[in-house]
């Protein structure tokens, strides 16, 4: 299990985000992005991507520390909110 923890720590994410003006900013390290997120700097729907060739997703859908998508429930399009 220690090797799994080590591999998590070795993940190097290069984050880019779209600012309020629609301009792509970055790259930034995971720690910096997480800190800004926890400080309330980003709305949950801020679009972010990992790496220059990454796909933009809403910040609330991704784990900034690992670069992986969070498990999300089925979209609430069944009349349930």
C-alpha atoms as a PDB file:
ATOM      1  CA  UNK A   1       0.000   0.000   0.000  1.00  0.00           C
ATOM      2  CA  UNK A   2       2.962   2.337   0.495  1.00  0.00           C
ATOM      3  CA  UNK A   3       3.727   2.203  -3.238  1.00  0.00           C
ATOM      4  CA  UNK A   4       0.180   3.389  -3.974  1.00  0.00           C
ATOM      5  CA  UNK A   5       0.658   6.377  -1.677  1.00  0.00           C
ATOM      6  CA  UNK A   6       3.985   7.168  -3.339  1.00  0.00           C
ATOM      7  CA  UNK A   7       2.464   7.056  -6.804  1.00  0.00           C
ATOM      8  CA  UNK A   8      -0.274   9.486  -5.710  1.00  0.00           C
ATOM      9  CA  UNK A   9       2.353  11.940  -4.518  1.00  0.00           C
ATOM     10  CA  UNK A  10       4.272  11.714  -7.803  1.00  0.00           C
ATOM     11  CA  UNK A  11       1.331  12.904  -9.880  1.00  0.00           C
ATOM     12  CA  UNK A  12       2.362  16.183 -11.458  1.00  0.00           C
ATOM     13  CA  UNK A  13      -0.632  18.154 -12.630  1.00  0.00           C
ATOM     14  CA  UNK A  14      -0.323  21.293 -14.696  1.00  0.00           C
ATOM     15  CA  UNK A  15      -3.640  23.089 -14.317  1.00  0.00           C
ATOM     16  CA  UNK A  16      -5.093  25.714 -16.605  1.00  0.00           C
ATOM     17  CA  UNK A  17      -8.325  27.575 -15.927  1.00  0.00           C
ATOM     18  CA  UNK A  18     -10.594  29.988 -17.776  1.00  0.00           C
ATOM     19  CA  UNK A  19     -10.865  33.278 -15.897  1.00  0.00           C
ATOM     20  CA  UNK A  20     -13.921  35.562 -15.666  1.00  0.00           C
ATOM     21  CA  UNK A  21     -12.885  37.261 -18.926  1.00  0.00           C
ATOM     22  CA  UNK A  22     -12.700  33.960 -20.826  1.00  0.00           C
ATOM     23  CA  UNK A  23      -8.894  33.974 -20.903  1.00  0.00           C
ATOM     24  CA  UNK A  24      -6.998  30.715 -20.249  1.00  0.00           C
ATOM     25  CA  UNK A  25      -4.552  31.073 -17.330  1.00  0.00           C
ATOM     26  CA  UNK A  26      -1.821  28.640 -16.326  1.00  0.00           C
ATOM     27  CA  UNK A  27      -0.137  26.341 -15.848  1.00  0.00           C
ATOM     28  CA  UNK A  28      -0.409  26.097 -12.064  1.00  0.00           C
ATOM     29  CA  UNK A  29       0.523  23.302  -9.650  1.00  0.00           C
ATOM     30  CA  UNK A  30      -2.177  21.258  -7.880  1.00  0.00           C
ATOM     31  CA  UNK A  31      -1.295  22.699  -4.467  1.00  0.00           C
ATOM     32  CA  UNK A  32      -1.747  26.246  -5.718  1.00  0.00           C
ATOM     33  CA  UNK A  33      -5.054  25.493  -7.439  1.00  0.00           C
ATOM     34  CA  UNK A  34      -6.373  23.593  -4.401  1.00  0.00           C
ATOM     35  CA  UNK A  35      -5.436  26.455  -2.109  1.00  0.00           C
ATOM     36  CA  UNK A  36      -7.182  28.990  -4.308  1.00  0.00           C
ATOM     37  CA  UNK A  37     -10.226  26.731  -4.551  1.00  0.00           C
ATOM     38  CA  UNK A  38     -10.432  26.290  -0.772  1.00  0.00           C
ATOM     39  CA  UNK A  39     -10.091  30.057  -0.354  1.00  0.00           C
ATOM     40  CA  UNK A  40     -13.184  30.496  -2.521  1.00  0.00           C
ATOM     41  CA  UNK A  41     -11.298  32.066  -5.419  1.00  0.00           C
ATOM     42  CA  UNK A  42     -12.995  29.851  -8.002  1.00  0.00           C
ATOM     43  CA  UNK A  43     -16.708  29.201  -8.494  1.00  0.00           C
ATOM     44  CA  UNK A  44     -17.432  25.444  -8.798  1.00  0.00           C
ATOM     45  CA  UNK A  45     -18.285  25.903 -12.471  1.00  0.00           C
ATOM     46  CA  UNK A  46     -14.871  27.375 -13.327  1.00  0.00           C
ATOM     47  CA  UNK A  47     -13.569  25.454 -16.340  1.00  0.00           C
ATOM     48  CA  UNK A  48     -10.220  23.748 -15.725  1.00  0.00           C
ATOM     49  CA  UNK A  49      -8.013  21.317 -17.603  1.00  0.00           C
ATOM     50  CA  UNK A  50      -4.961  19.256 -16.687  1.00  0.00           C
ATOM     51  CA  UNK A  51      -2.143  19.856 -19.169  1.00  0.00           C
ATOM     52  CA  UNK A  52      -1.995  21.743 -22.431  1.00  0.00           C
ATOM     53  CA  UNK A  53      -3.907  19.017 -24.251  1.00  0.00           C
ATOM     54  CA  UNK A  54      -6.426  18.325 -21.487  1.00  0.00           C
ATOM     55  CA  UNK A  55     -10.165  18.685 -21.869  1.00  0.00           C
ATOM     56  CA  UNK A  56     -11.849  21.502 -19.959  1.00  0.00           C
ATOM     57  CA  UNK A  57     -14.281  20.359 -17.253  1.00  0.00           C
ATOM     58  CA  UNK A  58     -16.001  22.153 -14.388  1.00  0.00           C
ATOM     59  CA  UNK A  59     -13.703  22.467 -11.394  1.00  0.00           C
ATOM     60  CA  UNK A  60     -16.333  20.876  -9.142  1.00  0.00           C
ATOM     61  CA  UNK A  61     -16.078  17.655 -11.180  1.00  0.00           C
ATOM     62  CA  UNK A  62     -12.346  17.058 -10.764  1.00  0.00           C
ATOM     63  CA  UNK A  63     -10.001  16.228  -7.898  1.00  0.00           C
ATOM     64  CA  UNK A  64      -7.308  18.882  -8.269  1.00  0.00           C
ATOM     65  CA  UNK A  65      -4.758  16.878  -6.278  1.00  0.00           C
ATOM     66  CA  UNK A  66      -4.858  13.814  -8.541  1.00  0.00           C
ATOM     67  CA  UNK A  67      -6.264  15.156 -11.797  1.00  0.00           C
ATOM     68  CA  UNK A  68      -9.009  12.538 -11.808  1.00  0.00           C
ATOM     69  CA  UNK A  69     -12.711  13.085 -12.264  1.00  0.00           C
ATOM     70  CA  UNK A  70     -14.762  12.790  -9.097  1.00  0.00           C
ATOM     71  CA  UNK A  71     -17.552  10.236  -9.031  1.00  0.00           C
ATOM     72  CA  UNK A  72     -20.668  12.146  -9.920  1.00  0.00           C
ATOM     73  CA  UNK A  73     -24.239  10.995  -9.553  1.00  0.00           C
ATOM     74  CA  UNK A  74     -26.484  10.633 -12.569  1.00  0.00           C
ATOM     75  CA  UNK A  75     -27.475  14.032 -13.959  1.00  0.00           C
ATOM     76  CA  UNK A  76     -30.565  15.375 -12.239  1.00  0.00           C
ATOM     77  CA  UNK A  77     -32.631  15.431 -15.405  1.00  0.00           C
ATOM     78  CA  UNK A  78     -35.313  13.113 -14.014  1.00  0.00           C
ATOM     79  CA  UNK A  79     -37.196  15.932 -12.318  1.00  0.00           C
ATOM     80  CA  UNK A  80     -35.267  15.329  -9.099  1.00  0.00           C
ATOM     81  CA  UNK A  81     -33.163  18.152  -7.665  1.00  0.00           C
END
